[in-house]
Protein backbone atom coordinates (compact mmCIF):
# COMPACT_ATOMS: atom_id res chain seq x y z
CA MET A 1 0.00 0.00 0.00
CA PHE A 2 3.12 2.23 0.00
CA GLY A 3 2.63 5.46 -1.96
CA SER A 4 1.90 9.17 -1.94
CA GLY A 5 -1.80 9.10 -2.75
CA PHE A 6 -4.55 8.18 -0.31
CA GLY A 7 -4.20 8.04 3.48
CA LEU A 8 -3.24 4.37 3.84
CA ALA A 9 -0.55 4.75 1.18
CA ARG A 10 1.00 7.75 2.88
CA TYR A 11 0.89 6.06 6.27
CA ALA A 12 2.83 3.07 4.90
CA GLN A 13 5.18 5.36 2.99
CA GLN A 14 6.07 7.64 5.88
CA LEU A 15 6.40 4.80 8.37
CA VAL A 16 8.89 2.98 6.12
CA LEU A 17 10.86 6.11 5.20
CA HIS A 18 11.26 7.14 8.83
CA LEU A 19 12.10 3.63 10.05
CA GLU A 20 14.91 3.72 7.47
CA LYS A 21 16.31 6.80 9.20
CA ILE A 22 16.26 5.47 12.75
CA ASP A 23 16.85 1.69 12.63
CA TYR A 24 20.13 0.25 11.33
CA LYS A 25 19.95 -2.86 13.52
CA ASN A 26 16.87 -4.79 12.37
CA GLN A 27 16.24 -6.07 8.87
CA TYR A 28 13.09 -5.04 7.00
CA ILE A 29 11.33 -6.61 4.04
CA ILE A 30 8.93 -4.29 2.20
CA PHE A 31 6.31 -6.10 0.11
CA LEU A 32 5.25 -4.07 -2.93
CA ARG A 33 3.04 -4.46 -5.97
CA LYS A 34 4.24 -3.75 -9.52
CA LYS A 35 2.44 -0.44 -9.67
CA ASN A 36 4.29 1.00 -6.68
CA TRP A 37 7.54 -0.95 -7.03
CA ASP A 38 9.50 2.09 -8.21
CA GLU A 39 8.11 4.40 -5.52
CA PHE A 40 10.43 2.92 -2.90
CA GLU A 41 14.20 2.74 -3.35
CA PRO A 42 15.88 1.69 -0.09
CA THR A 43 18.53 4.04 1.30
CA ASN A 44 19.27 1.81 4.29
CA SER A 45 21.04 -1.48 3.51
CA ASN A 46 18.85 -3.26 6.07
CA PHE A 47 15.78 -2.65 3.90
CA ILE A 48 14.96 -4.77 0.85
CA LYS A 49 12.02 -4.93 -1.55
CA VAL A 50 10.07 -8.08 -2.43
CA LEU A 51 7.44 -8.26 -5.15
CA ALA A 52 3.95 -9.27 -3.97
CA ASP A 53 1.84 -8.24 -6.94
CA ILE A 54 -1.51 -9.19 -5.46
CA PRO A 55 -4.70 -7.06 -5.51
CA TRP A 56 -5.97 -5.91 -2.12
CA TYR A 57 -9.05 -7.38 -0.42
CA GLY A 58 -9.49 -10.37 -2.76
CA LEU A 59 -9.04 -14.14 -2.62
CA ALA A 60 -5.52 -13.96 -4.08
CA GLU A 61 -4.47 -11.86 -1.10
CA GLN A 62 -5.93 -14.47 1.24
CA ILE A 63 -4.37 -17.47 -0.50
CA LYS A 64 -1.13 -16.35 -2.17
CA PHE A 65 0.22 -13.60 0.07
CA PRO A 66 0.88 -15.81 3.13
CA ALA A 67 3.16 -18.04 1.04
CA ILE A 68 5.16 -15.05 -0.19
CA ILE A 69 5.61 -13.82 3.38
CA LYS A 70 6.55 -17.29 4.64
CA LYS A 71 9.24 -17.61 1.97
CA GLN A 72 11.00 -14.56 3.47
CA LYS A 73 11.04 -16.13 6.97
CA VAL A 74 9.97 -12.96 8.73
CA ASP A 75 10.04 -12.85 12.52
CA LEU A 76 7.27 -10.27 12.75
CA MET A 77 4.88 -8.99 10.09
CA HIS A 78 3.26 -5.55 10.20
CA PHE A 79 0.03 -5.27 8.23
CA PRO A 80 -0.67 -1.53 7.83
CA HIS A 81 -4.41 -2.15 7.34
CA TRP A 82 -6.98 -4.72 8.43
CA ASN A 83 -6.73 -6.93 5.31
CA VAL A 84 -4.74 -9.68 7.01
CA PRO A 85 -4.97 -13.13 5.33
CA LEU A 86 -7.09 -15.46 7.46
CA ILE A 87 -4.61 -18.33 7.04
CA TYR A 88 -1.54 -16.29 8.04
CA SER A 89 -0.12 -17.99 11.14
CA GLY A 90 3.01 -16.01 11.94
CA PRO A 91 3.31 -13.29 14.61
CA PHE A 92 2.02 -9.93 13.42
CA VAL A 93 0.88 -6.47 14.42
CA VAL A 94 -1.92 -4.69 12.57
CA THR A 95 -2.87 -1.04 12.21
CA ILE A 96 -6.59 -0.29 12.42
CA HIS A 97 -7.29 3.16 11.00
CA ASP A 98 -11.03 3.18 11.63
CA LEU A 99 -14.13 0.99 11.84
CA ILE A 100 -16.32 2.82 9.34
CA MET A 101 -17.80 -0.43 8.05
CA TYR A 102 -19.38 -1.02 11.46
CA HIS A 103 -20.96 2.40 11.92
CA PHE A 104 -22.60 3.44 8.66
CA PRO A 105 -25.18 1.81 6.37
CA ARG A 106 -22.68 0.22 4.09
CA PRO A 107 -25.00 -0.47 1.10
CA THR A 108 -25.20 3.29 0.52
CA ALA A 109 -21.42 3.44 0.21
CA THR A 110 -21.01 0.94 -2.61
CA THR A 111 -21.94 0.44 -6.23
CA LEU A 112 -22.13 -3.35 -5.84
CA SER A 113 -25.36 -5.32 -6.12
CA PRO A 114 -27.02 -6.05 -2.74
CA ILE A 115 -26.08 -9.75 -2.76
CA THR A 116 -22.46 -9.12 -3.80
CA TYR A 117 -22.20 -6.34 -1.23
CA TRP A 118 -23.59 -8.54 1.55
CA ILE A 119 -21.09 -11.33 0.83
CA LYS A 120 -18.14 -8.96 0.54
CA ASP A 121 -19.07 -6.98 3.65
CA HIS A 122 -19.46 -10.05 5.83
CA PHE A 123 -16.17 -11.45 4.54
CA HIS A 124 -14.41 -8.17 5.37
CA ARG A 125 -15.89 -8.12 8.87
CA LEU A 126 -14.65 -11.67 9.40
CA ILE A 127 -11.16 -10.59 8.34
CA VAL A 128 -11.18 -7.58 10.68
CA ARG A 129 -12.30 -9.64 13.66
CA ASN A 130 -9.69 -12.31 12.92
CA ALA A 131 -6.97 -9.66 12.53
CA VAL A 132 -7.60 -8.03 15.91
CA LYS A 133 -8.03 -11.40 17.62
CA CYS A 134 -4.87 -13.04 16.25
CA SER A 135 -2.53 -10.04 16.25
CA SER A 136 0.20 -9.67 18.84
CA GLU A 137 -0.56 -5.96 19.10
CA ILE A 138 -2.98 -3.51 17.51
CA ILE A 139 -1.92 -0.02 16.47
CA ALA A 140 -4.74 2.54 16.47
CA THR A 141 -4.64 5.99 14.90
CA SER A 142 -6.28 7.84 17.81
CA GLU A 143 -7.65 7.34 21.31
CA PHE A 144 -11.10 7.54 19.73
CA THR A 145 -10.27 4.61 17.42
CA LYS A 146 -8.73 2.69 20.31
CA THR A 147 -11.96 3.00 22.30
CA ASP A 148 -14.01 2.19 19.20
CA ILE A 149 -12.04 -1.04 18.66
CA GLN A 150 -12.54 -2.01 22.30
CA LYS A 151 -16.28 -1.32 22.30
CA THR A 152 -17.09 -2.64 18.82
CA LEU A 153 -14.83 -5.69 18.66
CA GLY A 154 -14.37 -6.50 22.34
CA VAL A 155 -10.59 -6.14 22.34
CA ALA A 156 -8.77 -5.46 25.62
CA MET A 157 -7.49 -1.88 25.80
CA GLU A 158 -4.09 -3.20 26.91
CA LYS A 159 -3.60 -4.79 23.48
CA ILE A 160 -3.98 -1.47 21.63
CA GLU A 161 -1.35 1.26 21.24
CA VAL A 162 -2.01 4.68 19.72
CA THR A 163 0.39 6.33 17.26
CA TYR A 164 -0.52 9.72 15.80
CA GLN A 165 0.24 10.58 12.19
CA ALA A 166 1.51 13.98 11.05
CA PRO A 167 0.68 16.58 8.39
CA PHE A 168 2.94 17.23 5.43
CA LEU A 169 4.81 20.51 5.43
CA PRO A 170 4.11 23.10 2.71
CA ASN A 171 6.21 23.13 -0.45
CA ASN A 172 7.88 26.54 -0.38
CA GLU A 173 8.71 26.44 -4.08
CA ILE A 174 5.00 26.45 -4.97
CA GLN A 175 4.52 29.62 -2.94
CA ASN A 176 6.70 31.58 -5.39
CA LEU A 177 4.79 30.92 -8.60
CA SER A 178 4.36 33.82 -11.01
CA PRO A 179 1.04 35.74 -11.17
CA ASP A 180 0.48 34.48 -14.72
CA HIS A 181 0.92 30.86 -13.62
CA LEU A 182 -1.59 31.34 -10.81
CA LYS A 183 -4.05 33.13 -13.08
CA ASN A 184 -3.92 30.28 -15.61
CA PHE A 185 -4.44 27.69 -12.89
CA PHE A 186 -7.48 29.40 -11.39
CA ASN A 187 -8.98 30.14 -14.81
CA LYS A 188 -8.58 26.49 -15.77
CA HIS A 189 -10.68 25.44 -12.78
CA ASN A 190 -13.18 28.33 -12.95
CA ILE A 191 -12.14 29.65 -9.56
CA THR A 192 -12.85 33.38 -9.78
CA ARG A 193 -13.60 34.47 -6.20
CA ASP A 194 -12.45 33.93 -2.63
CA TYR A 195 -13.09 30.29 -1.90
CA ILE A 196 -13.71 27.81 0.89
CA LEU A 197 -11.81 24.56 0.36
CA TYR A 198 -12.59 20.87 0.88
CA ILE A 199 -10.16 18.14 -0.20
CA GLY A 200 -11.16 14.52 0.05
CA ALA A 201 -13.54 11.76 -0.98
CA ALA A 202 -17.30 12.02 -1.37
CA TYR A 203 -18.26 8.83 0.45
CA PRO A 204 -21.49 9.15 2.47
CA HIS A 205 -19.71 9.47 5.83
CA LYS A 206 -17.78 12.47 4.46
CA ASN A 207 -21.13 14.28 4.66
CA LEU A 208 -20.81 16.48 1.58
CA ASN A 209 -24.59 16.50 1.11
CA THR A 210 -25.04 18.42 4.36
CA LEU A 211 -22.09 20.66 3.53
CA ILE A 212 -23.75 21.67 0.26
CA LYS A 213 -27.05 22.35 2.03
CA GLY A 214 -25.21 24.54 4.53
CA TRP A 215 -23.38 26.27 1.69
CA LYS A 216 -26.66 27.11 -0.03
CA ILE A 217 -27.88 28.76 3.18
CA PHE A 218 -24.62 30.72 3.34
CA ILE A 219 -24.89 32.13 -0.20
CA GLU A 220 -28.58 32.95 0.31
CA ARG A 221 -27.53 35.09 3.28
CA ASN A 222 -24.43 36.63 1.73
CA GLY A 223 -24.86 36.56 -2.03
CA LYS A 224 -22.41 34.91 -4.39
CA GLU A 225 -19.26 36.59 -3.12
CA ASN A 226 -17.49 33.28 -2.45
CA GLN A 227 -17.07 29.85 -3.99
CA LEU A 228 -16.92 26.39 -2.46
CA VAL A 229 -14.14 24.30 -4.06
CA LEU A 230 -14.37 20.50 -3.79
CA VAL A 231 -11.30 18.44 -4.69
CA GLY A 232 -11.19 14.67 -5.01
CA LYS A 233 -10.86 11.76 -7.38
CA GLU A 234 -13.91 11.44 -9.62
CA ASN A 235 -15.99 8.36 -8.85
CA TYR A 236 -19.61 7.29 -8.48
CA PHE A 237 -20.16 9.42 -5.39
CA TYR A 238 -18.80 12.67 -6.80
CA LYS A 239 -20.77 12.11 -10.01
CA LYS A 240 -23.94 11.58 -7.98
CA LEU A 241 -23.23 14.73 -5.97
CA ILE A 242 -22.81 16.78 -9.15
CA ASN A 243 -26.02 15.42 -10.66
CA ASP A 244 -28.10 15.75 -7.49
CA TYR A 245 -27.13 19.34 -6.67
CA ASP A 246 -26.23 20.95 -10.02
CA LEU A 247 -23.09 22.30 -8.36
CA PRO A 248 -22.12 25.21 -10.67
CA GLN A 249 -25.50 26.86 -10.04
CA HIS A 250 -24.58 27.33 -6.39
CA ASN A 251 -21.07 28.71 -6.80
CA ILE A 252 -19.57 25.28 -6.19
CA VAL A 253 -16.52 24.18 -8.19
CA TYR A 254 -15.49 20.53 -8.49
CA THR A 255 -11.91 20.19 -9.73
CA GLY A 256 -11.53 16.41 -9.79
CA TYR A 257 -8.20 14.87 -8.75
CA LEU A 258 -5.25 17.28 -8.42
CA SER A 259 -1.53 16.68 -7.96
CA ASP A 260 0.25 17.61 -4.73
CA ASP A 261 1.67 20.73 -6.40
CA GLU A 262 -1.79 21.81 -7.51
CA LEU A 263 -3.14 21.22 -4.02
CA GLU A 264 -0.41 23.50 -2.69
CA ILE A 265 -1.76 26.33 -4.84
CA LEU A 266 -5.27 25.82 -3.50
CA TYR A 267 -4.09 25.66 0.10
CA ASN A 268 -2.03 28.82 -0.30
CA HIS A 269 -4.90 30.96 -1.59
CA ALA A 270 -8.01 29.60 0.15
CA LEU A 271 -10.09 31.61 2.59
CA LEU A 272 -10.61 28.67 4.92
CA TYR A 273 -10.77 24.88 5.00
CA ILE A 274 -13.94 23.01 5.92
CA PHE A 275 -14.23 19.40 7.07
CA PRO A 276 -17.81 18.14 7.63
CA SER A 277 -17.06 14.43 8.16
CA LEU A 278 -19.30 12.32 10.37
CA TYR A 279 -16.60 9.79 11.17
CA GLU A 280 -12.79 9.73 11.02
CA GLY A 281 -10.12 7.53 12.52
CA PHE A 282 -7.55 10.33 12.58
CA GLY A 283 -8.45 13.30 10.38
CA LEU A 284 -5.30 14.24 8.48
CA PRO A 285 -6.79 16.67 5.88
CA PRO A 286 -7.67 19.48 8.33
CA LEU A 287 -4.23 19.15 9.95
CA GLU A 288 -2.59 19.57 6.54
CA ALA A 289 -4.73 22.67 5.99
CA MET A 290 -3.49 24.06 9.31
CA ALA A 291 0.08 23.39 8.22
CA HIS A 292 -0.64 25.70 5.27
CA ASN A 293 -1.80 28.55 7.55
CA LEU A 294 -5.47 27.99 6.83
CA PRO A 295 -8.13 28.44 9.53
CA VAL A 296 -10.20 25.27 9.81
CA ALA A 297 -13.92 24.77 10.40
CA SER A 298 -14.44 21.17 11.47
CA SER A 299 -17.12 18.72 12.42
CA ASP A 300 -17.19 18.00 16.15
CA SER A 301 -17.68 14.25 15.59
CA SER A 302 -15.55 11.15 16.25
CA CYS A 303 -11.81 11.79 16.78
CA LEU A 304 -11.69 15.33 15.39
CA PRO A 305 -11.77 17.30 18.70
CA GLU A 306 -9.04 14.96 20.00
CA ILE A 307 -6.79 15.52 16.98
CA LEU A 308 -7.51 19.18 16.20
CA GLN A 309 -7.83 20.26 19.84
CA ASP A 310 -8.39 24.02 20.25
CA ALA A 311 -7.10 24.90 16.76
CA ALA A 312 -10.41 24.47 14.89
CA TYR A 313 -13.84 26.10 14.86
CA TYR A 314 -16.28 23.24 15.52
CA PHE A 315 -19.82 22.69 14.28
CA ASN A 316 -22.52 20.01 14.42
CA PRO A 317 -22.07 18.17 11.07
CA LYS A 318 -25.72 17.09 10.96
CA ASP A 319 -27.01 20.67 11.09
CA GLU A 320 -26.72 22.60 7.80
CA ARG A 321 -27.39 25.90 9.57
CA ALA A 322 -24.51 25.23 11.95
CA ILE A 323 -22.29 24.63 8.92
CA SER A 324 -23.47 27.89 7.36
CA ASP A 325 -22.80 29.77 10.61
CA ALA A 326 -19.31 28.27 10.86
CA ILE A 327 -18.43 29.45 7.33
CA GLN A 328 -19.86 32.89 8.12
CA HIS A 329 -17.94 33.36 11.37
CA LEU A 330 -14.65 32.02 10.12
CA SER A 331 -14.85 34.02 6.89
CA MET A 332 -15.44 37.35 8.60
CA ASP A 333 -13.99 37.30 12.10
CA GLN A 334 -10.36 38.30 11.55
CA SER A 335 -9.28 37.90 15.17
CA LEU A 336 -10.76 34.39 15.27
CA ARG A 337 -8.99 33.50 12.02
CA ALA A 338 -5.65 34.76 13.31
CA ARG A 339 -6.06 32.91 16.61
CA LEU A 340 -6.86 29.60 14.93
CA ILE A 341 -4.02 29.94 12.42
CA GLU A 342 -1.53 30.48 15.26
CA ARG A 343 -2.90 27.54 17.25
CA GLY A 344 -2.88 25.37 14.12
CA GLN A 345 0.82 26.01 13.53
CA LYS A 346 1.67 25.03 17.11
CA LEU A 347 -0.52 21.94 16.91
CA CYS A 348 1.03 20.72 13.65
CA ALA A 349 4.49 21.07 15.15
CA SER A 350 3.48 18.63 17.90
CA TYR A 351 2.84 15.81 15.43
CA SER A 352 5.78 13.93 13.93
CA TRP A 353 6.26 10.99 11.55
CA GLU A 354 9.60 10.29 13.22
CA LYS A 355 7.84 10.02 16.58
CA LEU A 356 5.31 7.62 15.02
CA ALA A 357 8.17 5.52 13.60
CA ARG A 358 9.96 5.38 16.97
CA GLN A 359 6.77 4.36 18.77
CA THR A 360 6.11 1.70 16.13
CA LEU A 361 9.66 0.38 16.45
CA GLU A 362 9.17 0.00 20.23
CA ILE A 363 6.00 -1.99 19.51
CA TYR A 364 8.00 -4.29 17.19
CA LYS A 365 10.67 -4.77 19.85
CA SER A 366 8.12 -5.66 22.53
CA GLN A 367 6.68 -8.61 20.61
């Protein structure tokens, strides 16, 4: 899962890269697929790559992957997500990022037929329960997730350790782009006014439907002085959102997927960042916005108050008027904006990938 794209990929990437920097004693085997084989080139002689070109979450992963691992004679395996093969019998630790599948009506979050969904969902739940039961240790992404694992799956709290992830620092080179370059970028995406930014998926638990309803209330109150910019990979859920709400009619811009450099431009010029999610295991996107000196309006659900602490303006994500009020206050109250930006910078500095790697290494050693 190593890579620079979605959250799981970055977690695996940053963990490996920082373990390389701190551990020259133990040997590491990094299993990669063909598509991300070239993304990791070891810089520490104790790290080697092994090809395991197997799709995630399928039968091949369950049947073939254990044999590949066994061939390497590993002493301890770390699965960075819950998709642990049921027949794997060696010692392992597993990272559980969240338990979304247990808390939301899953059929609404899939394009599969009901029967196929039911089979797949029950199989996945079996894998999760087996993973937490058979693991030597469980790594959780927050205290909220730790408690969730204990309550939902009946795991002893003593078996779970929390390691916090960290935001990525801004790319200073992107901050020095020419006015013409910036103008071309914003024209390309039809961004013509001060904008509120959301970066992420459109799955049902991300709660973009309520965000859009709150946004409509905001522009009814204030006119069309601002735009809402949504950024994320185009899929069934974004297409449905566009069709259901006729986004351009409400000063809403959907950009589709953007590169990291393009995201930097959006971060650097946004008015504020908004995060309406109903459920998160950690909540990295608003932290990354804070790292870019953006004030953040955030849902008060799940782990978000734990992770964002006093550096965000919170709202009830189920109340569209509360969302509208949050946008209004954070757009116009300059002292509030300045206070949250300052707190956000201090908060981001307290999170560290190196710290996560050191904590993870201690978990390995304790097995």
